[in-house]
């Protein structure tokens, strides 16, 4: 990161001259010029003073604009195997978001753990196989190419009722996996 050019951009956004910024920080106009042209580097203390005069702080200054990732690949996924079920969290740290998508694969006869009533909604899209959604006392069959959607205010479990593996995308809001 080029500190000088970022300081210059912030200074110009505030319509400050180099002299005005220098006065606010008890520095010289020459020092600000050298800094903005990356001819010198400030101490942490001096950088904090400059950033304060520019209305920001170290954390905000060094925060990358692209910290929020948009695209994720298989290397980013987190997997967990248990009792004939493979869970793949396909958005890392999604529990901090408003929804949490998980790719679920169930072996024949395998089920998700019982999920007790909670706030929120759940959506799924069956990619392969056939599943049975037990929602309270009711059961619903959902096959490849079909979707399901329900409020999570009743106990719920999903079971693979087919003879081959079932795979579905499961999105929960708020996150609860």
N, C-alpha and C. Protein backbone atom coordinates (compact mmCIF):
# COMPACT_ATOMS: atom_id res chain seq x y z
N UNK A 1 0.84 -1.19 0.00
CA UNK A 1 0.00 0.00 0.00
C UNK A 1 0.88 1.23 0.00
N UNK A 2 0.53 2.17 -0.81
CA UNK A 2 1.25 3.44 -0.85
C UNK A 2 0.55 4.41 0.10
N UNK A 3 1.16 4.62 1.24
CA UNK A 3 0.56 5.45 2.29
C UNK A 3 0.39 6.90 1.81
N UNK A 4 1.42 7.42 1.15
CA UNK A 4 1.39 8.82 0.73
C UNK A 4 0.24 9.15 -0.19
N UNK A 5 0.02 8.31 -1.20
CA UNK A 5 -1.06 8.61 -2.15
C UNK A 5 -2.43 8.51 -1.49
N UNK A 6 -2.56 7.62 -0.51
CA UNK A 6 -3.85 7.50 0.19
C UNK A 6 -4.07 8.72 1.09
N UNK A 7 -3.03 9.21 1.73
CA UNK A 7 -3.15 10.42 2.54
C UNK A 7 -3.52 11.61 1.66
N UNK A 8 -2.88 11.71 0.49
CA UNK A 8 -3.19 12.80 -0.43
C UNK A 8 -4.65 12.74 -0.87
N UNK A 9 -5.14 11.53 -1.19
CA UNK A 9 -6.53 11.37 -1.61
C UNK A 9 -7.49 11.83 -0.51
N UNK A 10 -7.21 11.44 0.73
CA UNK A 10 -8.05 11.86 1.86
C UNK A 10 -8.00 13.38 2.05
N UNK A 11 -6.80 13.95 1.93
CA UNK A 11 -6.64 15.40 2.10
C UNK A 11 -7.45 16.15 1.05
N UNK A 12 -7.37 15.68 -0.20
CA UNK A 12 -8.09 16.34 -1.28
C UNK A 12 -9.61 16.19 -1.13
N UNK A 13 -10.05 15.07 -0.60
CA UNK A 13 -11.49 14.88 -0.37
C UNK A 13 -12.02 15.90 0.62
N UNK A 14 -11.15 16.33 1.53
CA UNK A 14 -11.54 17.33 2.54
C UNK A 14 -11.23 18.75 2.08
N UNK A 15 -10.75 18.91 0.86
CA UNK A 15 -10.39 20.21 0.30
C UNK A 15 -9.37 20.95 1.17
N UNK A 16 -8.39 20.20 1.66
CA UNK A 16 -7.33 20.81 2.46
C UNK A 16 -6.08 20.96 1.60
N UNK A 17 -5.36 22.05 1.83
CA UNK A 17 -4.05 22.19 1.18
C UNK A 17 -3.03 21.44 2.03
N UNK A 18 -1.85 21.23 1.46
CA UNK A 18 -0.79 20.59 2.24
C UNK A 18 -0.45 21.44 3.46
N UNK A 19 -0.46 22.75 3.28
CA UNK A 19 -0.14 23.66 4.39
C UNK A 19 -1.18 23.54 5.51
N UNK A 20 -2.46 23.46 5.12
CA UNK A 20 -3.51 23.35 6.14
C UNK A 20 -3.39 22.03 6.92
N UNK A 21 -3.13 20.94 6.21
CA UNK A 21 -2.95 19.66 6.90
C UNK A 21 -1.72 19.72 7.81
N UNK A 22 -0.65 20.30 7.31
CA UNK A 22 0.58 20.43 8.11
C UNK A 22 0.32 21.22 9.39
N UNK A 23 -0.41 22.33 9.28
CA UNK A 23 -0.73 23.15 10.46
C UNK A 23 -1.53 22.35 11.48
N UNK A 24 -2.48 21.59 11.02
CA UNK A 24 -3.33 20.80 11.94
C UNK A 24 -2.53 19.73 12.68
N UNK A 25 -1.43 19.30 12.08
CA UNK A 25 -0.62 18.22 12.67
C UNK A 25 0.70 18.71 13.27
N UNK A 26 0.92 20.04 13.23
CA UNK A 26 2.17 20.62 13.71
C UNK A 26 3.37 20.04 12.97
N UNK A 27 3.22 19.95 11.63
CA UNK A 27 4.28 19.47 10.76
C UNK A 27 4.55 20.56 9.72
N UNK A 28 5.53 20.33 8.87
CA UNK A 28 5.80 21.31 7.82
C UNK A 28 5.11 20.88 6.52
N UNK A 29 4.86 21.88 5.68
CA UNK A 29 4.27 21.60 4.37
C UNK A 29 5.21 20.71 3.57
N UNK A 30 6.50 20.92 3.70
CA UNK A 30 7.50 20.11 2.99
C UNK A 30 7.42 18.64 3.40
N UNK A 31 7.21 18.39 4.69
CA UNK A 31 7.11 17.01 5.17
C UNK A 31 5.87 16.33 4.58
N UNK A 32 4.75 17.05 4.57
CA UNK A 32 3.51 16.50 3.99
C UNK A 32 3.73 16.19 2.52
N UNK A 33 4.41 17.08 1.80
CA UNK A 33 4.70 16.87 0.38
C UNK A 33 5.55 15.62 0.19
N UNK A 34 6.61 15.49 0.98
CA UNK A 34 7.47 14.31 0.88
C UNK A 34 6.69 13.03 1.20
N UNK A 35 5.84 13.12 2.20
CA UNK A 35 5.03 11.96 2.61
C UNK A 35 4.09 11.55 1.48
N UNK A 36 3.41 12.53 0.89
CA UNK A 36 2.44 12.23 -0.17
C UNK A 36 3.12 11.69 -1.43
N UNK A 37 4.38 12.02 -1.62
CA UNK A 37 5.13 11.53 -2.77
C UNK A 37 5.95 10.28 -2.43
N UNK A 38 5.67 9.70 -1.27
CA UNK A 38 6.33 8.48 -0.79
C UNK A 38 7.86 8.61 -0.76
N UNK A 39 8.32 9.82 -0.40
CA UNK A 39 9.76 10.05 -0.25
C UNK A 39 10.21 9.85 1.19
N UNK A 40 9.23 9.77 2.11
CA UNK A 40 9.52 9.52 3.51
C UNK A 40 8.37 8.72 4.10
N UNK A 41 8.63 8.11 5.24
CA UNK A 41 7.58 7.34 5.92
C UNK A 41 7.37 7.93 7.31
N UNK A 42 6.13 8.06 7.72
CA UNK A 42 5.87 8.64 9.04
C UNK A 42 6.03 7.61 10.15
N UNK A 43 6.29 8.10 11.35
CA UNK A 43 6.25 7.20 12.52
C UNK A 43 4.77 6.88 12.76
N UNK A 44 4.52 5.88 13.57
CA UNK A 44 3.12 5.52 13.89
C UNK A 44 2.43 6.70 14.56
N UNK A 45 3.13 7.36 15.46
CA UNK A 45 2.55 8.50 16.17
C UNK A 45 2.18 9.63 15.20
N UNK A 46 3.09 9.94 14.27
CA UNK A 46 2.83 10.99 13.29
C UNK A 46 1.69 10.59 12.37
N UNK A 47 1.67 9.33 11.94
CA UNK A 47 0.59 8.85 11.08
C UNK A 47 -0.76 8.96 11.80
N UNK A 48 -0.79 8.61 13.07
CA UNK A 48 -2.03 8.74 13.86
C UNK A 48 -2.49 10.19 13.91
N UNK A 49 -1.55 11.13 14.10
CA UNK A 49 -1.90 12.55 14.13
C UNK A 49 -2.47 13.01 12.79
N UNK A 50 -1.83 12.60 11.71
CA UNK A 50 -2.30 12.97 10.38
C UNK A 50 -3.69 12.39 10.11
N UNK A 51 -3.86 11.13 10.44
CA UNK A 51 -5.16 10.49 10.20
C UNK A 51 -6.26 11.11 11.05
N UNK A 52 -5.93 11.49 12.26
CA UNK A 52 -6.91 12.17 13.11
C UNK A 52 -7.33 13.49 12.48
N UNK A 53 -6.36 14.22 11.94
CA UNK A 53 -6.67 15.49 11.27
C UNK A 53 -7.51 15.28 10.01
N UNK A 54 -7.40 14.08 9.43
CA UNK A 54 -8.17 13.75 8.23
C UNK A 54 -9.49 13.05 8.56
N UNK A 55 -9.77 12.92 9.87
CA UNK A 55 -11.05 12.36 10.30
C UNK A 55 -11.14 10.85 10.20
N UNK A 56 -10.02 10.17 10.35
CA UNK A 56 -10.03 8.71 10.30
C UNK A 56 -9.03 8.16 11.32
N UNK A 57 -8.84 6.86 11.31
CA UNK A 57 -7.90 6.24 12.25
C UNK A 57 -7.13 5.13 11.53
N UNK A 58 -6.20 4.50 12.24
CA UNK A 58 -5.36 3.47 11.63
C UNK A 58 -6.18 2.31 11.07
N UNK A 59 -7.14 1.83 11.84
CA UNK A 59 -7.93 0.67 11.40
C UNK A 59 -8.66 0.97 10.09
N UNK A 60 -9.30 2.11 10.03
CA UNK A 60 -10.05 2.48 8.82
C UNK A 60 -9.10 2.74 7.65
N UNK A 61 -7.97 3.38 7.94
CA UNK A 61 -7.01 3.73 6.90
C UNK A 61 -6.45 2.48 6.22
N UNK A 62 -6.15 1.45 7.02
CA UNK A 62 -5.54 0.25 6.46
C UNK A 62 -6.55 -0.81 6.07
N UNK A 63 -7.82 -0.53 6.30
CA UNK A 63 -8.85 -1.48 5.89
C UNK A 63 -8.87 -1.53 4.37
N UNK A 64 -8.84 -2.73 3.86
CA UNK A 64 -8.86 -2.89 2.41
C UNK A 64 -10.28 -2.78 1.90
N UNK A 65 -10.43 -2.11 0.77
CA UNK A 65 -11.74 -1.97 0.16
C UNK A 65 -12.32 -3.31 -0.25
N UNK A 66 -11.45 -4.28 -0.52
CA UNK A 66 -11.93 -5.57 -0.98
C UNK A 66 -11.94 -6.62 0.14
N UNK A 67 -12.03 -6.16 1.42
CA UNK A 67 -12.08 -7.10 2.53
C UNK A 67 -13.31 -7.99 2.45
N UNK A 68 -14.39 -7.50 1.88
CA UNK A 68 -15.59 -8.28 1.74
C UNK A 68 -15.47 -9.09 0.46
N UNK A 69 -15.26 -10.39 0.63
CA UNK A 69 -15.12 -11.25 -0.54
C UNK A 69 -16.47 -11.51 -1.16
N UNK A 70 -16.48 -11.65 -2.44
CA UNK A 70 -17.69 -11.90 -3.21
C UNK A 70 -17.70 -13.33 -3.75
N UNK A 71 -16.56 -13.82 -4.20
CA UNK A 71 -16.48 -15.13 -4.83
C UNK A 71 -15.63 -16.05 -3.96
N UNK A 72 -16.10 -17.31 -3.82
CA UNK A 72 -15.40 -18.31 -3.03
C UNK A 72 -15.22 -19.56 -3.87
N UNK A 73 -14.12 -20.26 -3.66
CA UNK A 73 -13.86 -21.50 -4.40
C UNK A 73 -13.83 -22.67 -3.43
N UNK A 74 -13.72 -23.86 -4.00
CA UNK A 74 -13.74 -25.09 -3.19
C UNK A 74 -12.68 -25.08 -2.09
N UNK A 75 -11.56 -24.41 -2.32
CA UNK A 75 -10.50 -24.35 -1.30
C UNK A 75 -10.96 -23.59 -0.05
N UNK A 76 -11.97 -22.74 -0.20
CA UNK A 76 -12.47 -21.95 0.93
C UNK A 76 -13.51 -22.69 1.77
N UNK A 77 -14.07 -23.76 1.21
CA UNK A 77 -15.15 -24.47 1.90
C UNK A 77 -14.63 -25.20 3.13
N UNK A 78 -15.50 -25.32 4.11
CA UNK A 78 -15.19 -26.05 5.34
C UNK A 78 -16.10 -27.27 5.38
N UNK A 79 -15.52 -28.46 5.60
CA UNK A 79 -16.29 -29.70 5.57
C UNK A 79 -16.32 -30.36 6.93
N UNK A 80 -17.45 -31.04 7.17
CA UNK A 80 -17.60 -31.82 8.39
C UNK A 80 -18.36 -33.10 8.04
N UNK A 81 -17.78 -34.25 8.38
CA UNK A 81 -18.41 -35.55 8.16
C UNK A 81 -18.95 -36.06 9.49
N UNK A 82 -20.20 -36.52 9.50
CA UNK A 82 -20.74 -37.15 10.70
C UNK A 82 -21.97 -37.98 10.38
N UNK A 83 -22.00 -39.20 10.87
CA UNK A 83 -23.16 -40.10 10.78
C UNK A 83 -23.79 -40.14 9.39
N UNK A 84 -22.99 -40.40 8.36
CA UNK A 84 -23.52 -40.51 7.01
C UNK A 84 -23.89 -39.19 6.37
N UNK A 85 -23.41 -38.09 6.95
CA UNK A 85 -23.74 -36.77 6.43
C UNK A 85 -22.44 -35.99 6.21
N UNK A 86 -22.38 -35.30 5.08
CA UNK A 86 -21.29 -34.39 4.78
C UNK A 86 -21.87 -32.99 4.72
N UNK A 87 -21.37 -32.11 5.56
CA UNK A 87 -21.78 -30.70 5.54
C UNK A 87 -20.63 -29.89 4.95
N UNK A 88 -20.95 -29.02 3.99
CA UNK A 88 -19.94 -28.12 3.41
C UNK A 88 -20.44 -26.70 3.58
N UNK A 89 -19.73 -25.94 4.42
CA UNK A 89 -20.03 -24.52 4.55
C UNK A 89 -19.36 -23.86 3.35
N UNK A 90 -20.16 -23.38 2.42
CA UNK A 90 -19.63 -22.90 1.15
C UNK A 90 -19.32 -21.40 1.15
N UNK A 91 -19.69 -20.72 2.22
CA UNK A 91 -19.31 -19.32 2.43
C UNK A 91 -18.62 -19.27 3.79
N UNK A 92 -17.30 -19.14 3.84
CA UNK A 92 -16.60 -19.13 5.12
C UNK A 92 -17.11 -18.00 6.03
N UNK A 93 -17.21 -18.29 7.28
CA UNK A 93 -17.66 -17.32 8.30
C UNK A 93 -19.04 -16.75 8.00
N UNK A 94 -19.90 -17.52 7.34
CA UNK A 94 -21.23 -17.03 6.99
C UNK A 94 -22.09 -16.79 8.23
N UNK A 95 -21.72 -17.37 9.36
CA UNK A 95 -22.53 -17.17 10.55
C UNK A 95 -22.58 -15.71 10.98
N UNK A 96 -21.69 -14.89 10.46
CA UNK A 96 -21.74 -13.45 10.75
C UNK A 96 -22.67 -12.72 9.80
N UNK A 97 -23.15 -13.41 8.77
CA UNK A 97 -24.07 -12.82 7.79
C UNK A 97 -25.51 -13.08 8.19
N UNK A 98 -26.44 -12.64 7.38
CA UNK A 98 -27.85 -12.85 7.68
C UNK A 98 -28.36 -14.20 7.21
N UNK A 99 -27.65 -14.86 6.33
CA UNK A 99 -28.03 -16.20 5.91
C UNK A 99 -26.79 -17.05 5.78
N UNK A 100 -27.00 -18.37 5.93
CA UNK A 100 -25.87 -19.29 5.91
C UNK A 100 -26.17 -20.45 4.96
N UNK A 101 -25.54 -20.45 3.79
CA UNK A 101 -25.75 -21.56 2.86
C UNK A 101 -24.80 -22.72 3.17
N UNK A 102 -25.35 -23.93 3.17
CA UNK A 102 -24.57 -25.13 3.44
C UNK A 102 -24.95 -26.16 2.38
N UNK A 103 -23.95 -26.82 1.83
CA UNK A 103 -24.19 -27.91 0.90
C UNK A 103 -24.19 -29.19 1.74
N UNK A 104 -25.28 -29.95 1.67
CA UNK A 104 -25.44 -31.14 2.49
C UNK A 104 -25.52 -32.37 1.59
N UNK A 105 -24.78 -33.41 1.97
CA UNK A 105 -24.89 -34.69 1.27
C UNK A 105 -25.21 -35.75 2.32
N UNK A 106 -26.29 -36.49 2.08
CA UNK A 106 -26.71 -37.55 3.00
C UNK A 106 -26.61 -38.90 2.30
N UNK A 107 -26.00 -39.87 2.96
CA UNK A 107 -26.00 -41.23 2.46
C UNK A 107 -27.41 -41.80 2.60
N UNK A 108 -27.76 -42.87 1.88
CA UNK A 108 -29.09 -43.46 2.02
C UNK A 108 -29.41 -43.77 3.49
N UNK A 109 -30.58 -43.33 3.93
CA UNK A 109 -31.02 -43.57 5.31
C UNK A 109 -30.48 -42.59 6.33
N UNK A 110 -29.51 -41.77 5.99
CA UNK A 110 -28.91 -40.82 6.94
C UNK A 110 -29.83 -39.61 7.11
N UNK A 111 -29.73 -38.99 8.29
CA UNK A 111 -30.55 -37.81 8.61
C UNK A 111 -29.69 -36.71 9.20
N UNK A 112 -30.20 -35.51 9.08
CA UNK A 112 -29.59 -34.39 9.80
C UNK A 112 -29.97 -34.54 11.27
N UNK A 113 -29.27 -33.92 12.15
CA UNK A 113 -29.67 -33.92 13.56
C UNK A 113 -30.98 -33.16 13.68
N UNK A 114 -31.74 -33.50 14.70
CA UNK A 114 -33.00 -32.78 14.92
C UNK A 114 -32.67 -31.33 15.25
N UNK A 115 -33.31 -30.44 14.56
CA UNK A 115 -33.13 -29.01 14.78
C UNK A 115 -34.37 -28.52 15.51
N UNK A 116 -34.18 -28.02 16.69
CA UNK A 116 -35.30 -27.59 17.51
C UNK A 116 -35.83 -26.24 17.05
N UNK A 117 -37.07 -25.92 17.41
CA UNK A 117 -37.65 -24.65 16.96
C UNK A 117 -36.75 -23.46 17.28
N UNK A 118 -36.65 -22.58 16.32
CA UNK A 118 -35.86 -21.35 16.49
C UNK A 118 -36.43 -20.29 15.56
N UNK A 119 -36.00 -19.08 15.77
CA UNK A 119 -36.42 -17.99 14.87
C UNK A 119 -35.78 -18.21 13.52
N UNK A 120 -36.44 -17.74 12.50
CA UNK A 120 -35.83 -17.76 11.18
C UNK A 120 -36.57 -18.63 10.18
N UNK A 121 -35.95 -18.74 9.03
CA UNK A 121 -36.52 -19.47 7.91
C UNK A 121 -35.44 -20.34 7.29
N UNK A 122 -35.87 -21.40 6.59
CA UNK A 122 -34.93 -22.29 5.93
C UNK A 122 -35.41 -22.58 4.53
N UNK A 123 -34.45 -22.65 3.63
CA UNK A 123 -34.73 -22.90 2.22
C UNK A 123 -33.78 -23.97 1.74
N UNK A 124 -34.22 -24.80 0.83
CA UNK A 124 -33.34 -25.80 0.24
C UNK A 124 -33.67 -26.08 -1.20
N UNK A 125 -32.66 -26.52 -1.92
CA UNK A 125 -32.81 -26.93 -3.31
C UNK A 125 -32.12 -28.28 -3.44
N UNK A 126 -32.89 -29.30 -3.87
CA UNK A 126 -32.36 -30.65 -3.97
C UNK A 126 -31.61 -30.79 -5.30
N UNK A 127 -30.34 -31.09 -5.21
CA UNK A 127 -29.48 -31.23 -6.38
C UNK A 127 -29.44 -32.67 -6.88
N UNK A 128 -29.52 -33.63 -5.95
CA UNK A 128 -29.48 -35.06 -6.28
C UNK A 128 -30.32 -35.82 -5.27
N UNK A 129 -30.99 -36.86 -5.73
CA UNK A 129 -31.68 -37.77 -4.84
C UNK A 129 -33.05 -37.29 -4.38
N UNK A 130 -33.42 -37.80 -3.20
CA UNK A 130 -34.76 -37.58 -2.65
C UNK A 130 -34.64 -37.49 -1.13
N UNK A 131 -35.27 -36.49 -0.56
CA UNK A 131 -35.23 -36.31 0.90
C UNK A 131 -36.64 -36.21 1.46
N UNK A 132 -36.73 -36.46 2.75
CA UNK A 132 -37.98 -36.28 3.47
C UNK A 132 -37.74 -35.23 4.54
N UNK A 133 -38.54 -34.19 4.52
CA UNK A 133 -38.44 -33.12 5.51
C UNK A 133 -39.51 -33.39 6.57
N UNK A 134 -39.08 -33.58 7.80
CA UNK A 134 -40.01 -33.75 8.91
C UNK A 134 -40.09 -32.41 9.62
N UNK A 135 -41.25 -31.80 9.55
CA UNK A 135 -41.46 -30.48 10.12
C UNK A 135 -42.58 -30.61 11.13
N UNK A 136 -42.22 -30.62 12.41
CA UNK A 136 -43.22 -30.91 13.44
C UNK A 136 -43.71 -32.34 13.25
N UNK A 137 -45.02 -32.52 13.12
CA UNK A 137 -45.60 -33.86 12.93
C UNK A 137 -45.83 -34.18 11.45
N UNK A 138 -45.50 -33.26 10.56
CA UNK A 138 -45.73 -33.46 9.13
C UNK A 138 -44.46 -33.88 8.41
N UNK A 139 -44.65 -34.65 7.32
CA UNK A 139 -43.53 -35.09 6.48
C UNK A 139 -43.78 -34.66 5.05
N UNK A 140 -42.70 -34.22 4.39
CA UNK A 140 -42.79 -33.75 3.02
C UNK A 140 -41.65 -34.37 2.22
N UNK A 141 -41.97 -34.90 1.03
CA UNK A 141 -40.96 -35.46 0.14
C UNK A 141 -40.52 -34.37 -0.84
N UNK A 142 -39.23 -34.28 -1.05
CA UNK A 142 -38.66 -33.28 -1.97
C UNK A 142 -37.61 -34.01 -2.81
N UNK A 143 -37.74 -33.93 -4.13
CA UNK A 143 -36.86 -34.65 -5.05
C UNK A 143 -35.96 -33.70 -5.83
N UNK A 144 -35.01 -34.31 -6.54
CA UNK A 144 -34.07 -33.55 -7.39
C UNK A 144 -34.83 -32.52 -8.22
N UNK A 145 -34.33 -31.29 -8.19
CA UNK A 145 -34.93 -30.20 -8.96
C UNK A 145 -36.04 -29.47 -8.22
N UNK A 146 -36.40 -29.95 -7.04
CA UNK A 146 -37.46 -29.30 -6.26
C UNK A 146 -36.82 -28.50 -5.12
N UNK A 147 -37.61 -27.59 -4.57
CA UNK A 147 -37.14 -26.76 -3.46
C UNK A 147 -38.05 -26.94 -2.25
N UNK A 148 -37.55 -26.53 -1.10
CA UNK A 148 -38.38 -26.47 0.10
C UNK A 148 -38.12 -25.15 0.81
N UNK A 149 -39.12 -24.74 1.59
CA UNK A 149 -39.03 -23.47 2.30
C UNK A 149 -39.98 -23.54 3.49
N UNK A 150 -39.49 -23.19 4.68
CA UNK A 150 -40.36 -23.19 5.84
C UNK A 150 -39.81 -22.27 6.92
N UNK A 151 -40.71 -21.85 7.82
CA UNK A 151 -40.26 -21.13 9.00
C UNK A 151 -39.80 -22.20 9.98
N UNK A 152 -38.80 -21.88 10.75
CA UNK A 152 -38.16 -22.87 11.61
C UNK A 152 -38.76 -22.90 13.01
N UNK A 153 -40.06 -22.65 13.13
CA UNK A 153 -40.70 -22.58 14.44
C UNK A 153 -41.19 -23.93 14.97
N UNK A 154 -40.85 -25.03 14.26
CA UNK A 154 -41.16 -26.40 14.70
C UNK A 154 -39.88 -27.22 14.61
N UNK A 155 -39.81 -28.30 15.38
CA UNK A 155 -38.67 -29.21 15.25
C UNK A 155 -38.61 -29.70 13.82
N UNK A 156 -37.40 -29.87 13.29
CA UNK A 156 -37.28 -30.33 11.91
C UNK A 156 -36.02 -31.17 11.71
N UNK A 157 -36.18 -32.14 10.82
CA UNK A 157 -35.12 -33.07 10.46
C UNK A 157 -35.25 -33.37 8.97
N UNK A 158 -34.13 -33.63 8.32
CA UNK A 158 -34.15 -34.01 6.92
C UNK A 158 -33.48 -35.38 6.80
N UNK A 159 -34.17 -36.32 6.11
CA UNK A 159 -33.69 -37.69 5.96
C UNK A 159 -33.60 -38.04 4.48
N UNK A 160 -32.55 -38.77 4.11
CA UNK A 160 -32.45 -39.29 2.75
C UNK A 160 -33.29 -40.56 2.69
N UNK A 161 -34.38 -40.53 1.95
CA UNK A 161 -35.27 -41.68 1.84
C UNK A 161 -35.01 -42.50 0.58
N UNK A 162 -34.03 -42.08 -0.21
CA UNK A 162 -33.73 -42.79 -1.45
C UNK A 162 -32.67 -43.86 -1.28
N UNK A 163 -32.33 -44.51 -2.39
CA UNK A 163 -31.35 -45.60 -2.39
C UNK A 163 -29.96 -45.11 -2.79
N UNK A 164 -29.86 -43.85 -3.17
CA UNK A 164 -28.57 -43.25 -3.52
C UNK A 164 -28.37 -42.01 -2.66
N UNK A 165 -27.18 -41.45 -2.71
CA UNK A 165 -26.90 -40.23 -1.93
C UNK A 165 -27.83 -39.11 -2.36
N UNK A 166 -28.17 -38.28 -1.41
CA UNK A 166 -28.97 -37.08 -1.69
C UNK A 166 -28.09 -35.88 -1.41
N UNK A 167 -28.19 -34.88 -2.25
CA UNK A 167 -27.40 -33.67 -2.08
C UNK A 167 -28.34 -32.48 -2.22
N UNK A 168 -28.24 -31.53 -1.28
CA UNK A 168 -29.09 -30.33 -1.37
C UNK A 168 -28.37 -29.13 -0.80
N UNK A 169 -28.73 -27.98 -1.34
CA UNK A 169 -28.25 -26.70 -0.84
C UNK A 169 -29.24 -26.26 0.22
N UNK A 170 -28.77 -25.97 1.42
CA UNK A 170 -29.63 -25.61 2.54
C UNK A 170 -29.22 -24.22 3.00
N UNK A 171 -30.15 -23.29 3.00
CA UNK A 171 -29.87 -21.92 3.41
C UNK A 171 -30.73 -21.60 4.62
N UNK A 172 -30.08 -21.19 5.69
CA UNK A 172 -30.76 -20.88 6.94
C UNK A 172 -30.56 -19.41 7.26
N UNK A 173 -31.65 -18.78 7.73
CA UNK A 173 -31.54 -17.41 8.18
C UNK A 173 -32.34 -17.25 9.46
N UNK A 174 -31.82 -16.73 10.52
CA UNK A 174 -30.39 -16.40 10.67
C UNK A 174 -29.56 -17.67 10.74
N UNK A 175 -28.24 -17.55 10.57
CA UNK A 175 -27.37 -18.73 10.60
C UNK A 175 -27.52 -19.49 11.90
N UNK A 176 -27.52 -20.83 11.79
CA UNK A 176 -27.61 -21.64 13.01
C UNK A 176 -26.83 -22.92 12.93
N UNK A 177 -26.07 -23.14 11.87
CA UNK A 177 -25.31 -24.39 11.75
C UNK A 177 -24.06 -24.34 12.60
